[in-house]
C-alpha cells in the first residue's frame, strides 16, 4: 500500500499561520471587530492577562501585515486608536468560523 504524495504547504498558508498562529493575534482581531476603533488600554481590559509588551508587539505585527490601521490623533495627550483594515475585516469570517467550531465542539 502506497502513501499519497504530500504537497508542500503553500506560501500564503504559511504566512497566515505565522501571523495568526501567534498568541493573542486572533483575540486582537476579534476585539477590533467587536469594538471598531480600539485604544491600547481598551485592548488590555478586553484581553485580560495579555502583557503590555506582548500587546504592543502584536499590534505592531498586525499593523505591518496590513490587518490593523493605526490612527494617531493630535491631542494632548496624544491618542492612538487601532481599527481593522479592509484585509482585517475579511479575517472576521475566520474568527466567526473558529467561534462557531468551538461552540459546537
N, C-alpha and C. Protein backbone atom coordinates (compact mmCIF):
# COMPACT_ATOMS: atom_id res chain seq x y z
N UNK A 1 0.84 -1.17 0.00
CA UNK A 1 0.00 0.00 0.00
C UNK A 1 0.90 1.24 0.00
N UNK A 2 0.57 2.17 -0.86
CA UNK A 2 1.40 3.37 -1.01
C UNK A 2 0.73 4.57 -0.37
N UNK A 3 1.53 5.49 0.10
CA UNK A 3 1.03 6.74 0.67
C UNK A 3 0.73 7.72 -0.45
N UNK A 4 -0.21 8.57 -0.21
CA UNK A 4 -0.47 9.65 -1.16
C UNK A 4 0.70 10.62 -1.12
N UNK A 5 1.08 11.16 -2.27
CA UNK A 5 2.19 12.12 -2.25
C UNK A 5 1.75 13.40 -1.52
N UNK A 6 2.63 13.94 -0.71
CA UNK A 6 2.34 15.14 0.04
C UNK A 6 2.72 16.38 -0.77
N UNK A 7 1.85 17.33 -0.72
CA UNK A 7 2.11 18.60 -1.38
C UNK A 7 2.75 19.54 -0.37
N UNK A 8 3.67 20.38 -0.81
CA UNK A 8 4.25 21.35 0.14
C UNK A 8 3.20 22.37 0.55
N UNK A 9 3.37 22.90 1.74
CA UNK A 9 2.46 23.91 2.26
C UNK A 9 2.56 25.17 1.41
N UNK A 10 1.44 25.69 0.88
CA UNK A 10 1.51 26.92 0.08
C UNK A 10 2.05 28.08 0.90
N UNK A 11 2.80 28.94 0.26
CA UNK A 11 3.42 30.09 0.92
C UNK A 11 2.40 30.98 1.62
N UNK A 12 1.22 31.17 1.00
CA UNK A 12 0.18 32.02 1.59
C UNK A 12 -0.31 31.44 2.91
N UNK A 13 -0.47 30.13 2.96
CA UNK A 13 -0.92 29.46 4.18
C UNK A 13 0.15 29.59 5.26
N UNK A 14 1.39 29.41 4.89
CA UNK A 14 2.48 29.52 5.85
C UNK A 14 2.55 30.92 6.44
N UNK A 15 2.37 31.95 5.62
CA UNK A 15 2.41 33.33 6.12
C UNK A 15 1.23 33.60 7.05
N UNK A 16 0.04 33.12 6.69
CA UNK A 16 -1.14 33.33 7.53
C UNK A 16 -0.98 32.63 8.87
N UNK A 17 -0.48 31.41 8.84
CA UNK A 17 -0.28 30.65 10.08
C UNK A 17 0.77 31.34 10.95
N UNK A 18 1.83 31.84 10.33
CA UNK A 18 2.87 32.52 11.08
C UNK A 18 2.32 33.75 11.79
N UNK A 19 1.50 34.52 11.12
CA UNK A 19 0.95 35.74 11.71
C UNK A 19 -0.15 35.44 12.72
N UNK A 20 -1.14 34.67 12.31
CA UNK A 20 -2.31 34.45 13.16
C UNK A 20 -2.11 33.35 14.19
N UNK A 21 -1.07 32.56 14.04
CA UNK A 21 -0.78 31.50 15.00
C UNK A 21 -0.08 32.00 16.24
N UNK A 22 0.32 33.25 16.24
CA UNK A 22 0.98 33.82 17.41
C UNK A 22 -0.05 34.08 18.50
N UNK A 23 0.37 33.88 19.71
CA UNK A 23 -0.55 34.04 20.85
C UNK A 23 -1.14 35.44 20.86
N UNK A 24 -2.42 35.53 21.06
CA UNK A 24 -3.22 36.74 21.18
C UNK A 24 -3.59 37.39 19.85
N UNK A 25 -3.02 36.99 18.74
CA UNK A 25 -3.29 37.66 17.46
C UNK A 25 -4.77 37.57 17.08
N UNK A 26 -5.34 36.38 17.13
CA UNK A 26 -6.76 36.24 16.78
C UNK A 26 -7.65 36.94 17.78
N UNK A 27 -7.26 36.97 19.04
CA UNK A 27 -8.04 37.68 20.04
C UNK A 27 -8.04 39.18 19.77
N UNK A 28 -6.93 39.71 19.30
CA UNK A 28 -6.86 41.13 18.95
C UNK A 28 -7.76 41.42 17.74
N UNK A 29 -7.74 40.54 16.76
CA UNK A 29 -8.63 40.71 15.59
C UNK A 29 -10.09 40.67 16.05
N UNK A 30 -10.42 39.73 16.94
CA UNK A 30 -11.80 39.63 17.45
C UNK A 30 -12.20 40.92 18.18
N UNK A 31 -11.33 41.40 19.07
CA UNK A 31 -11.64 42.61 19.84
C UNK A 31 -11.81 43.81 18.91
N UNK A 32 -11.00 43.91 17.88
CA UNK A 32 -11.12 45.01 16.92
C UNK A 32 -12.42 44.93 16.14
N UNK A 33 -12.81 43.71 15.78
CA UNK A 33 -14.05 43.53 15.02
C UNK A 33 -15.26 43.86 15.88
N UNK A 34 -15.21 43.51 17.15
CA UNK A 34 -16.34 43.74 18.05
C UNK A 34 -16.50 45.21 18.41
N UNK A 35 -15.38 45.89 18.63
CA UNK A 35 -15.43 47.25 19.17
C UNK A 35 -15.24 48.33 18.13
N UNK A 36 -14.79 48.01 16.93
CA UNK A 36 -14.47 49.05 15.96
C UNK A 36 -13.08 49.60 16.26
N UNK A 37 -12.98 50.90 16.49
CA UNK A 37 -11.70 51.51 16.84
C UNK A 37 -11.41 51.25 18.31
N UNK A 38 -10.21 50.80 18.60
CA UNK A 38 -9.86 50.41 19.96
C UNK A 38 -8.53 51.04 20.34
N UNK A 39 -8.46 51.48 21.58
CA UNK A 39 -7.22 52.04 22.11
C UNK A 39 -6.46 50.97 22.90
N UNK A 40 -5.19 51.23 23.15
CA UNK A 40 -4.31 50.26 23.80
C UNK A 40 -4.90 49.76 25.12
N UNK A 41 -5.31 50.67 25.99
CA UNK A 41 -5.85 50.26 27.29
C UNK A 41 -7.16 49.50 27.17
N UNK A 42 -7.93 49.77 26.14
CA UNK A 42 -9.17 49.01 25.91
C UNK A 42 -8.84 47.58 25.52
N UNK A 43 -7.79 47.39 24.72
CA UNK A 43 -7.34 46.02 24.41
C UNK A 43 -6.93 45.31 25.70
N UNK A 44 -6.17 46.00 26.56
CA UNK A 44 -5.72 45.38 27.81
C UNK A 44 -6.89 44.96 28.68
N UNK A 45 -7.94 45.77 28.72
CA UNK A 45 -9.11 45.43 29.53
C UNK A 45 -9.87 44.25 28.94
N UNK A 46 -10.02 44.26 27.63
CA UNK A 46 -10.77 43.19 26.95
C UNK A 46 -10.01 41.87 26.99
N UNK A 47 -8.72 41.93 26.75
CA UNK A 47 -7.89 40.73 26.69
C UNK A 47 -7.16 40.56 28.02
N UNK A 48 -7.90 40.19 29.02
CA UNK A 48 -7.33 40.06 30.36
C UNK A 48 -6.15 39.10 30.35
N UNK A 49 -5.05 39.54 30.94
CA UNK A 49 -3.88 38.67 31.05
C UNK A 49 -2.82 38.92 30.01
N UNK A 50 -3.09 39.72 29.00
CA UNK A 50 -2.08 39.96 27.98
C UNK A 50 -1.06 40.97 28.53
N UNK A 51 0.22 40.61 28.51
CA UNK A 51 1.24 41.55 28.97
C UNK A 51 1.33 42.75 28.02
N UNK A 52 1.54 43.95 28.54
CA UNK A 52 1.62 45.14 27.69
C UNK A 52 2.66 45.02 26.58
N UNK A 53 3.78 44.42 26.89
CA UNK A 53 4.84 44.26 25.89
C UNK A 53 4.37 43.36 24.73
N UNK A 54 3.68 42.29 25.08
CA UNK A 54 3.15 41.38 24.06
C UNK A 54 2.08 42.08 23.23
N UNK A 55 1.20 42.82 23.89
CA UNK A 55 0.16 43.55 23.17
C UNK A 55 0.78 44.53 22.19
N UNK A 56 1.77 45.29 22.62
CA UNK A 56 2.43 46.25 21.73
C UNK A 56 3.08 45.54 20.54
N UNK A 57 3.71 44.39 20.79
CA UNK A 57 4.35 43.64 19.71
C UNK A 57 3.31 43.12 18.72
N UNK A 58 2.20 42.55 19.21
CA UNK A 58 1.18 42.01 18.31
C UNK A 58 0.51 43.13 17.51
N UNK A 59 0.24 44.26 18.14
CA UNK A 59 -0.35 45.38 17.41
C UNK A 59 0.57 45.84 16.29
N UNK A 60 1.87 45.93 16.57
CA UNK A 60 2.84 46.33 15.55
C UNK A 60 2.90 45.30 14.42
N UNK A 61 2.88 44.01 14.76
CA UNK A 61 2.93 42.96 13.74
C UNK A 61 1.68 42.98 12.86
N UNK A 62 0.52 43.12 13.49
CA UNK A 62 -0.73 43.14 12.72
C UNK A 62 -0.82 44.41 11.86
N UNK A 63 -0.28 45.50 12.35
CA UNK A 63 -0.25 46.72 11.54
C UNK A 63 0.69 46.55 10.35
N UNK A 64 1.87 45.99 10.58
CA UNK A 64 2.83 45.77 9.50
C UNK A 64 2.29 44.81 8.45
N UNK A 65 1.47 43.86 8.88
CA UNK A 65 0.88 42.88 7.95
C UNK A 65 -0.33 43.45 7.21
N UNK A 66 -0.77 44.65 7.58
CA UNK A 66 -1.91 45.25 6.91
C UNK A 66 -3.25 44.82 7.46
N UNK A 67 -3.27 44.18 8.64
CA UNK A 67 -4.52 43.74 9.25
C UNK A 67 -5.15 44.88 10.04
N UNK A 68 -4.32 45.67 10.71
CA UNK A 68 -4.80 46.80 11.50
C UNK A 68 -4.30 48.12 10.92
N UNK A 69 -5.08 49.15 11.13
CA UNK A 69 -4.66 50.51 10.80
C UNK A 69 -4.50 51.27 12.10
N UNK A 70 -3.42 52.02 12.20
CA UNK A 70 -3.13 52.80 13.41
C UNK A 70 -3.38 54.26 13.10
N UNK A 71 -4.20 54.89 13.93
CA UNK A 71 -4.53 56.31 13.74
C UNK A 71 -4.06 57.09 14.96
N UNK A 72 -3.23 58.10 14.73
CA UNK A 72 -2.73 58.95 15.80
C UNK A 72 -3.46 60.28 15.71
N UNK A 73 -4.06 60.68 16.83
CA UNK A 73 -4.80 61.94 16.89
C UNK A 73 -3.96 62.99 17.60
N UNK A 74 -3.90 64.17 17.03
CA UNK A 74 -3.09 65.25 17.57
C UNK A 74 -3.85 65.95 18.70
N UNK A 75 -3.84 65.31 19.85
CA UNK A 75 -4.48 65.86 21.05
C UNK A 75 -3.44 65.85 22.17
N UNK A 76 -3.78 66.46 23.26
CA UNK A 76 -2.92 66.44 24.44
C UNK A 76 -3.61 65.68 25.55
N UNK A 77 -3.13 64.56 25.99
CA UNK A 77 -2.03 63.77 25.44
C UNK A 77 -2.43 63.14 24.11
N UNK A 78 -1.44 62.73 23.31
CA UNK A 78 -1.77 62.10 22.02
C UNK A 78 -2.63 60.86 22.22
N UNK A 79 -3.54 60.64 21.29
CA UNK A 79 -4.44 59.49 21.36
C UNK A 79 -4.19 58.61 20.14
N UNK A 80 -4.08 57.31 20.36
CA UNK A 80 -3.84 56.34 19.28
C UNK A 80 -4.97 55.33 19.30
N UNK A 81 -5.56 55.08 18.14
CA UNK A 81 -6.61 54.07 18.01
C UNK A 81 -6.23 53.11 16.89
N UNK A 82 -6.67 51.88 17.06
CA UNK A 82 -6.46 50.83 16.06
C UNK A 82 -7.81 50.38 15.55
N UNK A 83 -7.87 50.12 14.25
CA UNK A 83 -9.09 49.51 13.70
C UNK A 83 -8.69 48.57 12.58
N UNK A 84 -9.58 47.65 12.28
CA UNK A 84 -9.31 46.68 11.23
C UNK A 84 -9.25 47.38 9.88
N UNK A 85 -8.28 46.98 9.07
CA UNK A 85 -8.22 47.43 7.69
C UNK A 85 -9.20 46.60 6.87
N UNK A 86 -9.26 46.85 5.59
CA UNK A 86 -10.12 46.04 4.72
C UNK A 86 -9.71 44.57 4.80
N UNK A 87 -8.42 44.32 4.75
CA UNK A 87 -7.92 42.93 4.86
C UNK A 87 -8.28 42.34 6.23
N UNK A 88 -8.18 43.15 7.26
CA UNK A 88 -8.52 42.69 8.60
C UNK A 88 -9.99 42.36 8.75
N UNK A 89 -10.84 43.15 8.10
CA UNK A 89 -12.28 42.88 8.16
C UNK A 89 -12.62 41.54 7.51
N UNK A 90 -11.86 41.14 6.51
CA UNK A 90 -12.09 39.83 5.90
C UNK A 90 -11.73 38.70 6.86
N UNK A 91 -10.80 38.95 7.79
CA UNK A 91 -10.44 37.94 8.78
C UNK A 91 -11.54 37.69 9.79
N UNK A 92 -12.48 38.61 9.88
CA UNK A 92 -13.58 38.44 10.83
C UNK A 92 -14.32 37.12 10.57
N UNK A 93 -14.43 36.74 9.30
CA UNK A 93 -15.11 35.49 8.96
C UNK A 93 -14.35 34.28 9.50
N UNK A 94 -13.04 34.36 9.52
CA UNK A 94 -12.23 33.28 10.09
C UNK A 94 -12.49 33.18 11.58
N UNK A 95 -12.50 34.32 12.26
CA UNK A 95 -12.75 34.33 13.70
C UNK A 95 -14.15 33.81 14.00
N UNK A 96 -15.14 34.21 13.21
CA UNK A 96 -16.51 33.72 13.41
C UNK A 96 -16.60 32.22 13.20
N UNK A 97 -15.89 31.71 12.19
CA UNK A 97 -15.90 30.26 11.94
C UNK A 97 -15.24 29.50 13.09
N UNK A 98 -14.15 30.01 13.62
CA UNK A 98 -13.50 29.38 14.76
C UNK A 98 -14.38 29.41 16.00
N UNK A 99 -15.09 30.52 16.19
CA UNK A 99 -16.00 30.64 17.32
C UNK A 99 -17.13 29.62 17.20
N UNK A 100 -17.69 29.48 16.00
CA UNK A 100 -18.77 28.51 15.78
C UNK A 100 -18.26 27.09 16.00
N UNK A 101 -17.06 26.81 15.55
CA UNK A 101 -16.48 25.48 15.74
C UNK A 101 -16.31 25.18 17.24
N UNK A 102 -15.75 26.16 17.98
CA UNK A 102 -15.53 25.95 19.41
C UNK A 102 -16.84 25.78 20.16
N UNK A 103 -17.88 26.48 19.73
CA UNK A 103 -19.18 26.37 20.38
C UNK A 103 -19.81 25.00 20.15
N UNK A 104 -19.52 24.38 19.02
CA UNK A 104 -20.12 23.09 18.70
C UNK A 104 -19.30 21.91 19.17
N UNK A 105 -18.07 22.16 19.54
CA UNK A 105 -17.16 21.06 19.94
C UNK A 105 -17.40 20.61 21.38
